[in-house]
Amino acid sequence: MKIIPEVKCRRCGESFSALRSRCPNCGTRRVSQSSRTPAPTPSTMKGTAAYERAETNTRWQLIFGLILVIAVILAVIVMVSTSLSGLDNQSGRGSKNNLTATPTPSAIVSAAPTPEAPPTPTPTPTPTVDNINIECFGTVVKDEFTMSMSRDPKITLQATVLPMEVFTTENTRITWKSSDESLFIVTPSADTRSCVVEMLQTGGPGTLTVTCNGFSVTLTVRLVN
């Protein structure tokens, strides 16, 4: 056990006797550590004004620190909320843009062209009738004819309209009219170009009127036994 303690050089780390004032290796002066305990300051002593001021300063520092922490937390919350709101708005605008950009089926369907009104056909002028020939048994009847109850109470008459182009006009028809249906009656054919005259009794005489497009021919009908 060594009686004389050793110290270590603060520069080279070599150990040497505590009786030496310098390191024998590097010559660094040995510094002895002070064994005195530092005196307490007034701020660490309770009951002093300095201690009260130090306590107050410490309390305010804690309050300011707490306020600073709260402010930082609020700032972070605001920043996060703003970022989320911006993302929502962007996604909403994107969806609106997508909705706007995508045409609806009603927009895709093109407008149907307005059909043009068909041209109004020009009516064909009705030809003027020059004459109507009435034939009985192949003979043209000029002014009158006779019917006999015993021989020919029913005869067929044919009508020929001149010019012949008249009957090519649409809805052109011939009308046959008896002056007294108690004496004789008329029954036109389907095309009205012929007519059956049926005698009912003697008397008269009566008249038979044939008309086509405003032109008329009247024949006298004599009715005998």
Protein backbone atom coordinates (compact mmCIF):
# COMPACT_ATOMS: atom_id res chain seq x y z
CA MET A 1 0.00 0.00 0.00
CA LYS A 2 1.42 3.31 -1.02
CA ILE A 3 1.56 5.97 1.64
CA ILE A 4 2.12 8.84 -0.77
CA PRO A 5 -0.76 9.16 -3.22
CA GLU A 6 -0.24 9.56 -6.91
CA VAL A 7 -1.81 12.00 -9.27
CA LYS A 8 -2.33 11.81 -13.02
CA CYS A 9 -1.00 14.46 -15.37
CA ARG A 10 -3.81 16.43 -16.95
CA ARG A 11 -1.92 16.64 -20.24
CA CYS A 12 -0.12 13.35 -20.90
CA GLY A 13 -1.95 11.13 -18.43
CA GLU A 14 1.25 9.88 -16.76
CA SER A 15 0.94 9.07 -13.03
CA PHE A 16 3.40 10.61 -10.64
CA SER A 17 3.83 11.30 -6.95
CA ALA A 18 1.62 13.86 -5.34
CA LEU A 19 4.73 15.40 -3.80
CA ARG A 20 5.88 16.60 -7.20
CA SER A 21 4.62 19.94 -8.48
CA ARG A 22 5.22 19.09 -12.13
CA CYS A 23 4.84 16.03 -14.32
CA PRO A 24 8.24 14.34 -14.70
CA ASN A 25 7.21 13.22 -18.18
CA CYS A 26 5.98 16.43 -19.86
CA GLY A 27 6.70 19.08 -17.23
CA THR A 28 3.06 20.21 -16.93
CA ARG A 29 2.42 21.99 -13.63
CA ARG A 30 0.11 20.07 -11.36
CA VAL A 31 -3.01 21.93 -10.28
CA SER A 32 -4.40 20.88 -6.98
CA GLN A 33 -8.18 20.74 -6.72
CA SER A 34 -9.81 23.07 -4.25
CA SER A 35 -11.57 21.35 -1.42
CA ARG A 36 -13.69 24.34 -0.56
CA THR A 37 -17.44 24.13 -0.97
CA PRO A 38 -18.88 27.17 -2.82
CA ALA A 39 -21.08 29.41 -0.76
CA PRO A 40 -24.77 29.38 -1.60
CA THR A 41 -26.13 32.32 -3.65
CA PRO A 42 -29.00 34.46 -2.32
CA SER A 43 -31.36 33.08 -5.01
CA THR A 44 -31.07 29.59 -3.56
CA MET A 45 -31.84 30.66 -0.04
CA LYS A 46 -35.52 30.61 0.95
CA GLY A 47 -36.90 33.74 2.47
CA THR A 48 -34.71 36.10 0.50
CA ALA A 49 -35.95 38.56 -2.12
CA ALA A 50 -33.68 36.96 -4.73
CA TYR A 51 -35.26 33.55 -4.04
CA GLU A 52 -38.78 35.03 -4.49
CA ARG A 53 -37.76 36.66 -7.77
CA ALA A 54 -36.24 33.40 -8.99
CA GLU A 55 -39.46 31.53 -8.10
CA THR A 56 -41.55 34.14 -9.96
CA ASN A 57 -39.31 33.97 -13.01
CA THR A 58 -39.48 30.18 -13.00
CA ARG A 59 -43.29 30.28 -12.77
CA TRP A 60 -43.58 32.74 -15.69
CA GLN A 61 -41.14 30.67 -17.73
CA LEU A 62 -43.36 27.63 -17.19
CA ILE A 63 -46.48 29.62 -18.19
CA PHE A 64 -44.80 30.99 -21.34
CA GLY A 65 -43.54 27.55 -22.21
CA LEU A 66 -47.02 26.08 -21.82
CA ILE A 67 -48.54 28.89 -23.97
CA LEU A 68 -45.88 28.29 -26.63
CA VAL A 69 -46.63 24.56 -26.69
CA ILE A 70 -50.38 25.23 -27.00
CA ALA A 71 -49.76 27.74 -29.81
CA VAL A 72 -47.62 25.22 -31.69
CA ILE A 73 -50.32 22.52 -31.31
CA LEU A 74 -53.04 24.91 -32.57
CA ALA A 75 -50.87 25.94 -35.51
CA VAL A 76 -50.32 22.29 -36.44
CA ILE A 77 -54.08 21.61 -36.18
CA VAL A 78 -54.89 24.61 -38.40
CA MET A 79 -52.31 23.56 -40.99
CA VAL A 80 -53.63 19.99 -41.08
CA SER A 81 -57.25 21.21 -41.36
CA THR A 82 -56.32 23.59 -44.18
CA SER A 83 -54.51 20.86 -46.06
CA LEU A 84 -57.45 18.44 -45.72
CA SER A 85 -59.89 21.14 -46.82
CA GLY A 86 -57.76 21.92 -49.85
CA LEU A 87 -57.66 18.25 -50.80
CA ASP A 88 -61.44 17.99 -50.44
CA ASN A 89 -61.96 21.08 -52.59
CA GLN A 90 -59.61 19.78 -55.24
CA SER A 91 -61.34 16.41 -55.30
CA GLY A 92 -64.72 18.17 -55.41
CA ARG A 93 -63.62 20.38 -58.28
CA GLY A 94 -62.18 17.38 -60.01
CA SER A 95 -65.43 15.49 -59.69
CA LYS A 96 -67.38 18.53 -60.88
CA ASN A 97 -65.04 18.91 -63.80
CA ASN A 98 -65.46 15.24 -64.58
CA LEU A 99 -69.22 15.62 -64.42
CA THR A 100 -69.05 18.67 -66.63
CA ALA A 101 -66.66 17.07 -69.07
CA THR A 102 -68.77 13.91 -69.43
CA PRO A 103 -71.68 14.73 -71.74
CA THR A 104 -75.11 13.44 -70.83
CA PRO A 105 -76.97 11.21 -73.24
CA SER A 106 -79.35 14.08 -74.02
CA ALA A 107 -76.32 16.20 -75.08
CA ILE A 108 -74.97 13.38 -77.27
CA VAL A 109 -78.23 12.98 -79.17
CA SER A 110 -78.16 15.35 -82.10
CA ALA A 111 -81.18 17.44 -82.83
CA ALA A 112 -83.42 15.79 -85.38
CA PRO A 113 -83.69 17.85 -88.55
CA THR A 114 -86.99 19.57 -89.00
CA PRO A 115 -88.81 17.80 -91.80
CA GLU A 116 -89.58 20.02 -94.70
CA ALA A 117 -93.20 20.42 -95.58
CA PRO A 118 -94.03 18.59 -98.79
CA PRO A 119 -94.71 20.90 -101.68
CA THR A 120 -98.33 21.60 -102.28
CA PRO A 121 -99.31 19.84 -105.48
CA THR A 122 -100.61 22.06 -108.17
CA PRO A 123 -104.20 21.06 -108.88
CA THR A 124 -104.76 19.77 -112.35
CA PRO A 125 -107.19 22.02 -114.16
CA THR A 126 -110.47 20.33 -114.93
CA PRO A 127 -110.98 19.97 -118.70
CA THR A 128 -113.98 21.69 -120.12
CA VAL A 129 -116.77 19.36 -121.28
CA ASP A 130 -117.79 20.09 -124.87
CA ASN A 131 -120.64 17.60 -125.18
CA ILE A 132 -122.24 14.45 -123.72
CA ASN A 133 -123.52 11.83 -126.15
CA ILE A 134 -126.30 9.53 -124.87
CA GLU A 135 -126.62 6.17 -126.66
CA CYS A 136 -129.51 3.69 -126.51
CA PHE A 137 -129.06 0.32 -128.21
CA GLY A 138 -125.98 1.72 -130.01
CA THR A 139 -127.83 4.75 -131.35
CA VAL A 140 -127.13 8.28 -130.21
CA VAL A 141 -130.25 9.85 -128.68
CA LYS A 142 -130.54 13.47 -129.69
CA ASP A 143 -133.48 15.03 -127.88
CA GLU A 144 -135.96 12.34 -126.74
CA PHE A 145 -136.66 8.63 -126.52
CA THR A 146 -139.75 6.50 -125.83
CA MET A 147 -140.25 3.70 -123.34
CA SER A 148 -143.07 1.13 -123.56
CA MET A 149 -144.45 -0.63 -120.51
CA SER A 150 -145.26 -3.75 -122.59
CA ARG A 151 -142.06 -3.95 -124.62
CA ASP A 152 -139.11 -2.20 -122.91
CA PRO A 153 -139.95 -0.94 -119.39
CA LYS A 154 -136.23 -1.09 -118.54
CA ILE A 155 -133.44 0.11 -120.82
CA THR A 156 -129.72 0.88 -120.44
CA LEU A 157 -128.26 4.18 -121.60
CA GLN A 158 -124.54 4.88 -122.24
CA ALA A 159 -122.94 8.31 -121.82
CA THR A 160 -119.82 9.44 -123.65
CA VAL A 161 -118.20 12.66 -122.47
CA LEU A 162 -116.33 14.75 -125.00
CA PRO A 163 -113.46 15.30 -125.05
CA MET A 164 -112.42 11.89 -123.81
CA GLU A 165 -109.66 13.36 -121.55
CA VAL A 166 -112.34 14.55 -119.12
CA PHE A 167 -112.80 11.09 -117.65
CA THR A 168 -109.08 10.72 -116.96
CA THR A 169 -109.36 13.51 -114.38
CA GLU A 170 -109.62 12.33 -110.77
CA ASN A 171 -113.10 12.23 -109.20
CA THR A 172 -114.83 12.98 -112.52
CA ARG A 173 -118.31 11.44 -112.42
CA ILE A 174 -121.56 11.63 -114.37
CA THR A 175 -124.85 12.27 -112.60
CA TRP A 176 -128.19 10.94 -113.85
CA LYS A 177 -131.41 12.52 -112.60
CA SER A 178 -135.08 11.71 -113.14
CA SER A 179 -137.54 14.58 -113.18
CA ASP A 180 -140.30 12.39 -111.68
CA GLU A 181 -139.36 9.18 -109.87
CA SER A 182 -143.02 8.16 -109.75
CA LEU A 183 -142.83 7.71 -113.53
CA PHE A 184 -139.32 6.22 -113.88
CA ILE A 185 -136.19 5.79 -111.78
CA VAL A 186 -132.48 5.76 -112.73
CA THR A 187 -129.73 3.47 -111.37
CA PRO A 188 -126.17 4.55 -112.40
CA SER A 189 -123.39 2.00 -112.79
CA ALA A 190 -120.28 2.01 -110.56
CA ASP A 191 -118.29 4.17 -112.96
CA THR A 192 -121.41 6.29 -113.73
CA ARG A 193 -120.81 5.94 -117.47
CA SER A 194 -124.05 4.02 -117.92
CA CYS A 195 -127.44 4.04 -116.28
CA VAL A 196 -130.46 1.73 -116.11
CA VAL A 197 -133.76 3.57 -116.62
CA GLU A 198 -136.77 1.67 -115.25
CA MET A 199 -140.31 2.72 -116.19
CA LEU A 200 -142.89 2.54 -113.36
CA GLN A 201 -146.04 3.78 -115.05
CA THR A 202 -147.29 5.56 -118.10
CA GLY A 203 -147.77 9.29 -118.15
CA GLY A 204 -145.59 12.22 -118.52
CA PRO A 205 -143.68 12.94 -120.41
CA GLY A 206 -140.73 13.23 -118.05
CA THR A 207 -137.16 14.40 -118.48
CA LEU A 208 -133.76 12.77 -117.86
CA THR A 209 -130.84 15.10 -117.10
CA VAL A 210 -127.21 13.96 -117.50
CA THR A 211 -124.49 16.23 -116.01
CA CYS A 212 -120.68 16.15 -115.98
CA ASN A 213 -118.40 18.98 -114.72
CA GLY A 214 -121.16 21.56 -115.02
CA PHE A 215 -122.22 20.55 -118.54
CA SER A 216 -125.75 19.09 -118.78
CA VAL A 217 -127.84 17.35 -121.41
CA THR A 218 -131.61 16.95 -120.95
CA LEU A 219 -133.65 14.32 -122.79
CA THR A 220 -137.42 13.98 -122.98
CA VAL A 221 -138.74 10.56 -121.90
CA ARG A 222 -142.09 9.47 -123.31
CA LEU A 223 -143.82 6.69 -121.38
CA VAL A 224 -146.45 4.62 -123.25
CA ASN A 225 -148.26 1.31 -122.88
